[in-house]
Amino acid sequence: MLKRNDILLVIFLVALSLAPLALLRQSAPAAYAEIKVDGFLLQTVPLDKDNEITVETSYGKNILKIKNGKIKVIYSDCTAGTCMKSGAIKSSGEMIACLPHHLLIEVKGSDSDVIIAR
């Protein structure tokens, strides 16, 4: 049978094991997105501020919307419109591509997001 002190010890150990997760979440840096055309970086935008960005090149025009930490293409004058159907992205490593416009949007984090296993 578990006694009162045993239960308190289990609760304390569970709380102690979860504490590092809470600390890591609080100190995680905000994500940002890199906007590239033909592989060249046009702009780096933070995802923590709502914004609307127009990318207009000789290939065409795209309008990107940043809201609630996510970025998506809300307008593209290309014929396929696949980039608009991709939806919003927010996690590091996710990408949206508009091939007719040679546009690539990739969500990144800071170097401190990378965990190296030893």
N, C-alpha and C. Protein backbone atom coordinates (compact mmCIF):
# COMPACT_ATOMS: atom_id res chain seq x y z
N MET A 1 0.83 -1.18 0.00
CA MET A 1 0.00 0.00 0.00
C MET A 1 0.88 1.25 0.00
N LEU A 2 0.45 2.21 -0.79
CA LEU A 2 1.15 3.48 -0.82
C LEU A 2 0.68 4.35 0.34
N LYS A 3 1.65 4.95 0.96
CA LYS A 3 1.32 5.85 2.07
C LYS A 3 1.36 7.28 1.57
N ARG A 4 0.93 8.18 2.40
CA ARG A 4 0.86 9.60 2.06
C ARG A 4 2.22 10.11 1.60
N ASN A 5 3.28 9.83 2.29
CA ASN A 5 4.62 10.30 1.93
C ASN A 5 5.08 9.70 0.60
N ASP A 6 4.70 8.48 0.30
CA ASP A 6 5.05 7.85 -0.98
C ASP A 6 4.41 8.61 -2.14
N ILE A 7 3.14 8.96 -1.97
CA ILE A 7 2.42 9.69 -3.00
C ILE A 7 3.04 11.08 -3.20
N LEU A 8 3.36 11.75 -2.11
CA LEU A 8 4.01 13.06 -2.20
C LEU A 8 5.37 12.96 -2.90
N LEU A 9 6.11 11.92 -2.64
CA LEU A 9 7.41 11.72 -3.28
C LEU A 9 7.24 11.51 -4.78
N VAL A 10 6.26 10.74 -5.19
CA VAL A 10 6.01 10.50 -6.62
C VAL A 10 5.61 11.80 -7.31
N ILE A 11 4.74 12.58 -6.69
CA ILE A 11 4.31 13.86 -7.26
C ILE A 11 5.52 14.80 -7.39
N PHE A 12 6.35 14.85 -6.37
CA PHE A 12 7.54 15.70 -6.40
C PHE A 12 8.49 15.27 -7.52
N LEU A 13 8.71 13.98 -7.69
CA LEU A 13 9.62 13.49 -8.73
C LEU A 13 9.09 13.76 -10.13
N VAL A 14 7.79 13.62 -10.32
CA VAL A 14 7.19 13.92 -11.63
C VAL A 14 7.33 15.41 -11.94
N ALA A 15 7.03 16.26 -10.96
CA ALA A 15 7.16 17.71 -11.16
C ALA A 15 8.62 18.09 -11.45
N LEU A 16 9.54 17.48 -10.75
CA LEU A 16 10.97 17.74 -10.95
C LEU A 16 11.42 17.32 -12.34
N SER A 17 10.89 16.22 -12.84
CA SER A 17 11.27 15.74 -14.17
C SER A 17 10.69 16.62 -15.29
N LEU A 18 9.57 17.29 -15.05
CA LEU A 18 8.95 18.14 -16.05
C LEU A 18 9.46 19.58 -16.02
N ALA A 19 10.13 19.98 -14.99
CA ALA A 19 10.61 21.36 -14.85
C ALA A 19 11.53 21.79 -16.00
N PRO A 20 12.49 20.97 -16.45
CA PRO A 20 13.35 21.41 -17.56
C PRO A 20 12.57 21.68 -18.84
N LEU A 21 11.50 20.94 -19.09
CA LEU A 21 10.69 21.19 -20.28
C LEU A 21 10.04 22.57 -20.23
N ALA A 22 9.54 22.94 -19.09
CA ALA A 22 8.93 24.26 -18.94
C ALA A 22 9.95 25.36 -19.14
N LEU A 23 11.15 25.18 -18.61
CA LEU A 23 12.20 26.19 -18.77
C LEU A 23 12.65 26.30 -20.22
N LEU A 24 12.76 25.19 -20.93
CA LEU A 24 13.16 25.23 -22.33
C LEU A 24 12.12 25.92 -23.19
N ARG A 25 10.85 25.68 -22.93
CA ARG A 25 9.80 26.33 -23.70
C ARG A 25 9.81 27.84 -23.53
N GLN A 26 10.06 28.31 -22.32
CA GLN A 26 10.05 29.74 -22.06
C GLN A 26 11.22 30.44 -22.73
N SER A 27 12.36 29.78 -22.85
CA SER A 27 13.54 30.45 -23.39
C SER A 27 13.72 30.20 -24.88
N ALA A 28 12.80 29.48 -25.52
CA ALA A 28 12.94 29.20 -26.94
C ALA A 28 12.80 30.48 -27.75
N PRO A 29 13.74 30.74 -28.64
CA PRO A 29 13.68 31.96 -29.44
C PRO A 29 12.57 31.88 -30.49
N ALA A 30 12.11 33.01 -30.90
CA ALA A 30 11.06 33.06 -31.91
C ALA A 30 11.59 32.57 -33.24
N ALA A 31 10.75 31.92 -33.99
CA ALA A 31 11.12 31.44 -35.31
C ALA A 31 11.09 32.61 -36.29
N TYR A 32 11.76 32.40 -37.42
CA TYR A 32 11.74 33.40 -38.48
C TYR A 32 11.67 32.66 -39.81
N ALA A 33 11.34 33.38 -40.85
CA ALA A 33 11.25 32.78 -42.18
C ALA A 33 12.24 33.47 -43.11
N GLU A 34 12.86 32.67 -43.94
CA GLU A 34 13.73 33.19 -44.99
C GLU A 34 12.97 33.14 -46.30
N ILE A 35 12.97 34.26 -47.02
CA ILE A 35 12.31 34.36 -48.31
C ILE A 35 13.40 34.45 -49.36
N LYS A 36 13.42 33.47 -50.27
CA LYS A 36 14.47 33.40 -51.29
C LYS A 36 13.85 33.34 -52.68
N VAL A 37 14.53 33.96 -53.64
CA VAL A 37 14.17 33.86 -55.04
C VAL A 37 15.45 33.46 -55.78
N ASP A 38 15.35 32.43 -56.59
CA ASP A 38 16.50 31.86 -57.30
C ASP A 38 17.63 31.48 -56.36
N GLY A 39 17.30 31.13 -55.13
CA GLY A 39 18.29 30.71 -54.15
C GLY A 39 18.95 31.87 -53.41
N PHE A 40 18.65 33.09 -53.79
CA PHE A 40 19.23 34.27 -53.14
C PHE A 40 18.27 34.78 -52.07
N LEU A 41 18.81 35.07 -50.90
CA LEU A 41 18.00 35.55 -49.78
C LEU A 41 17.51 36.97 -50.06
N LEU A 42 16.19 37.13 -50.10
CA LEU A 42 15.60 38.46 -50.28
C LEU A 42 15.36 39.13 -48.93
N GLN A 43 14.82 38.34 -47.99
CA GLN A 43 14.38 38.93 -46.74
C GLN A 43 14.29 37.85 -45.67
N THR A 44 14.58 38.25 -44.44
CA THR A 44 14.36 37.42 -43.27
C THR A 44 13.31 38.13 -42.42
N VAL A 45 12.23 37.41 -42.10
CA VAL A 45 11.13 38.04 -41.36
C VAL A 45 10.82 37.25 -40.09
N PRO A 46 10.63 37.95 -38.97
CA PRO A 46 10.24 37.25 -37.73
C PRO A 46 8.79 36.82 -37.83
N LEU A 47 8.47 35.69 -37.21
CA LEU A 47 7.10 35.19 -37.24
C LEU A 47 6.30 35.59 -36.01
N ASP A 48 6.94 36.34 -35.10
CA ASP A 48 6.22 36.73 -33.88
C ASP A 48 5.44 38.03 -34.04
N LYS A 49 5.54 38.69 -35.20
CA LYS A 49 4.78 39.91 -35.46
C LYS A 49 3.91 39.71 -36.69
N ASP A 50 2.63 40.02 -36.57
CA ASP A 50 1.73 39.92 -37.72
C ASP A 50 2.15 40.94 -38.77
N ASN A 51 2.17 40.50 -40.03
CA ASN A 51 2.69 41.33 -41.10
C ASN A 51 2.18 40.81 -42.43
N GLU A 52 2.24 41.65 -43.45
CA GLU A 52 1.93 41.25 -44.81
C GLU A 52 3.07 41.72 -45.70
N ILE A 53 3.60 40.82 -46.51
CA ILE A 53 4.79 41.12 -47.32
C ILE A 53 4.47 40.85 -48.78
N THR A 54 4.84 41.77 -49.64
CA THR A 54 4.69 41.60 -51.08
C THR A 54 6.05 41.29 -51.68
N VAL A 55 6.11 40.20 -52.43
CA VAL A 55 7.34 39.82 -53.13
C VAL A 55 7.03 39.91 -54.61
N GLU A 56 7.64 40.90 -55.26
CA GLU A 56 7.40 41.11 -56.68
C GLU A 56 8.73 41.07 -57.41
N THR A 57 8.85 40.13 -58.34
CA THR A 57 10.07 39.98 -59.13
C THR A 57 9.68 39.92 -60.60
N SER A 58 10.66 39.70 -61.45
CA SER A 58 10.37 39.57 -62.88
C SER A 58 9.57 38.30 -63.18
N TYR A 59 9.55 37.35 -62.25
CA TYR A 59 8.79 36.11 -62.42
C TYR A 59 7.31 36.28 -62.08
N GLY A 60 7.00 37.21 -61.19
CA GLY A 60 5.61 37.41 -60.79
C GLY A 60 5.50 37.99 -59.39
N LYS A 61 4.27 38.01 -58.91
CA LYS A 61 3.96 38.64 -57.63
C LYS A 61 3.34 37.63 -56.67
N ASN A 62 3.81 37.68 -55.41
CA ASN A 62 3.26 36.89 -54.32
C ASN A 62 3.02 37.80 -53.13
N ILE A 63 1.96 37.54 -52.40
CA ILE A 63 1.71 38.26 -51.14
C ILE A 63 1.70 37.22 -50.03
N LEU A 64 2.53 37.46 -49.02
CA LEU A 64 2.67 36.55 -47.89
C LEU A 64 2.04 37.20 -46.67
N LYS A 65 1.41 36.37 -45.83
CA LYS A 65 0.80 36.88 -44.60
C LYS A 65 1.38 36.14 -43.41
N ILE A 66 1.80 36.92 -42.42
CA ILE A 66 2.29 36.38 -41.16
C ILE A 66 1.25 36.69 -40.10
N LYS A 67 0.77 35.63 -39.46
CA LYS A 67 -0.23 35.83 -38.40
C LYS A 67 -0.13 34.67 -37.42
N ASN A 68 -0.14 35.00 -36.13
CA ASN A 68 -0.10 34.01 -35.05
C ASN A 68 1.09 33.06 -35.17
N GLY A 69 2.24 33.58 -35.57
CA GLY A 69 3.45 32.76 -35.65
C GLY A 69 3.51 31.86 -36.87
N LYS A 70 2.64 32.07 -37.84
CA LYS A 70 2.60 31.26 -39.06
C LYS A 70 2.75 32.16 -40.27
N ILE A 71 3.26 31.59 -41.36
CA ILE A 71 3.37 32.33 -42.61
C ILE A 71 2.72 31.53 -43.72
N LYS A 72 2.03 32.22 -44.63
CA LYS A 72 1.39 31.55 -45.76
C LYS A 72 1.32 32.50 -46.94
N VAL A 73 1.12 31.93 -48.11
CA VAL A 73 0.94 32.70 -49.34
C VAL A 73 -0.56 32.92 -49.51
N ILE A 74 -0.96 34.20 -49.54
CA ILE A 74 -2.39 34.50 -49.69
C ILE A 74 -2.74 34.93 -51.11
N TYR A 75 -1.71 35.29 -51.91
CA TYR A 75 -1.95 35.66 -53.31
C TYR A 75 -0.74 35.30 -54.14
N SER A 76 -1.00 34.75 -55.32
CA SER A 76 0.05 34.48 -56.29
C SER A 76 -0.56 34.61 -57.68
N ASP A 77 0.14 35.31 -58.57
CA ASP A 77 -0.40 35.46 -59.92
C ASP A 77 0.08 34.36 -60.87
N CYS A 78 0.63 33.27 -60.32
CA CYS A 78 1.02 32.14 -61.16
C CYS A 78 -0.24 31.35 -61.54
N THR A 79 -0.13 30.53 -62.55
CA THR A 79 -1.32 29.82 -63.04
C THR A 79 -1.74 28.66 -62.13
N ALA A 80 -0.80 27.97 -61.53
CA ALA A 80 -1.13 26.79 -60.72
C ALA A 80 -1.71 27.16 -59.36
N GLY A 81 -1.12 28.11 -58.67
CA GLY A 81 -1.59 28.51 -57.35
C GLY A 81 -1.34 27.48 -56.26
N THR A 82 -0.43 26.55 -56.53
CA THR A 82 -0.15 25.49 -55.56
C THR A 82 0.39 26.06 -54.25
N CYS A 83 1.16 27.12 -54.33
CA CYS A 83 1.73 27.71 -53.11
C CYS A 83 0.65 28.23 -52.17
N MET A 84 -0.46 28.70 -52.72
CA MET A 84 -1.56 29.18 -51.88
C MET A 84 -2.30 28.02 -51.22
N LYS A 85 -2.29 26.86 -51.88
CA LYS A 85 -2.97 25.68 -51.35
C LYS A 85 -2.13 24.98 -50.29
N SER A 86 -0.87 25.36 -50.16
CA SER A 86 0.03 24.71 -49.19
C SER A 86 -0.38 24.97 -47.76
N GLY A 87 -1.06 26.07 -47.52
CA GLY A 87 -1.47 26.42 -46.17
C GLY A 87 -0.35 27.14 -45.43
N ALA A 88 -0.55 27.33 -44.15
CA ALA A 88 0.39 28.07 -43.31
C ALA A 88 1.44 27.11 -42.74
N ILE A 89 2.66 27.64 -42.57
CA ILE A 89 3.74 26.86 -41.96
C ILE A 89 4.26 27.62 -40.75
N LYS A 90 4.78 26.86 -39.76
CA LYS A 90 5.27 27.51 -38.56
C LYS A 90 6.48 26.82 -37.93
N SER A 91 6.70 25.55 -38.25
CA SER A 91 7.76 24.79 -37.61
C SER A 91 9.06 24.87 -38.40
N SER A 92 10.16 24.87 -37.68
CA SER A 92 11.47 24.94 -38.30
C SER A 92 11.64 23.80 -39.30
N GLY A 93 12.06 24.15 -40.52
CA GLY A 93 12.27 23.16 -41.57
C GLY A 93 11.13 23.07 -42.56
N GLU A 94 9.96 23.61 -42.23
CA GLU A 94 8.84 23.58 -43.17
C GLU A 94 9.07 24.60 -44.28
N MET A 95 8.58 24.29 -45.49
CA MET A 95 8.80 25.17 -46.64
C MET A 95 7.54 25.30 -47.49
N ILE A 96 7.46 26.43 -48.17
CA ILE A 96 6.47 26.66 -49.22
C ILE A 96 7.27 27.06 -50.46
N ALA A 97 6.93 26.46 -51.60
CA ALA A 97 7.62 26.80 -52.84
C ALA A 97 6.61 27.23 -53.89
N CYS A 98 6.96 28.28 -54.61
CA CYS A 98 6.20 28.70 -55.78
C CYS A 98 7.16 28.55 -56.96
N LEU A 99 7.09 27.42 -57.63
CA LEU A 99 8.06 27.09 -58.67
C LEU A 99 8.03 28.06 -59.85
N PRO A 100 6.84 28.48 -60.34
CA PRO A 100 6.86 29.42 -61.47
C PRO A 100 7.55 30.75 -61.13
N HIS A 101 7.52 31.13 -59.87
CA HIS A 101 8.12 32.40 -59.44
C HIS A 101 9.51 32.22 -58.82
N HIS A 102 9.99 30.96 -58.79
CA HIS A 102 11.31 30.64 -58.23
C HIS A 102 11.41 31.08 -56.77
N LEU A 103 10.29 31.04 -56.06
CA LEU A 103 10.19 31.53 -54.69
C LEU A 103 10.22 30.37 -53.70
N LEU A 104 11.00 30.54 -52.64
CA LEU A 104 11.06 29.54 -51.58
C LEU A 104 10.95 30.27 -50.23
N ILE A 105 10.03 29.80 -49.40
CA ILE A 105 9.85 30.35 -48.05
C ILE A 105 10.15 29.21 -47.09
N GLU A 106 11.10 29.42 -46.18
CA GLU A 106 11.48 28.36 -45.24
C GLU A 106 11.50 28.92 -43.83
N VAL A 107 10.86 28.18 -42.93
CA VAL A 107 10.85 28.56 -41.51
C VAL A 107 12.12 28.03 -40.87
N LYS A 108 12.76 28.90 -40.11
CA LYS A 108 14.00 28.54 -39.42
C LYS A 108 13.88 28.97 -37.97
N GLY A 109 14.79 28.48 -37.16
CA GLY A 109 14.92 28.91 -35.77
C GLY A 109 16.34 29.37 -35.56
N SER A 110 16.70 29.66 -34.34
CA SER A 110 18.07 30.07 -34.08
C SER A 110 18.93 28.84 -33.86
N ASP A 111 20.26 29.03 -33.80
CA ASP A 111 21.19 27.93 -33.58
C ASP A 111 20.95 27.23 -32.26
N SER A 112 20.38 27.93 -31.30
CA SER A 112 20.14 27.31 -29.99
C SER A 112 19.01 26.30 -30.04
N ASP A 113 18.24 26.26 -31.16
CA ASP A 113 17.19 25.26 -31.32
C ASP A 113 17.76 23.89 -31.64
N VAL A 114 18.98 23.86 -32.14
CA VAL A 114 19.58 22.60 -32.58
C VAL A 114 20.12 21.85 -31.37
N ILE A 115 19.73 20.58 -31.25
CA ILE A 115 20.22 19.75 -30.17
C ILE A 115 21.13 18.71 -30.77
N ILE A 116 22.36 18.65 -30.29
CA ILE A 116 23.34 17.70 -30.80
C ILE A 116 23.45 16.53 -29.84
N ALA A 117 23.20 15.34 -30.36
CA ALA A 117 23.31 14.13 -29.53
C ALA A 117 24.77 13.72 -29.43
N ARG A 118 25.20 13.36 -28.26
CA ARG A 118 26.59 12.92 -28.08
C ARG A 118 26.63 11.53 -27.57
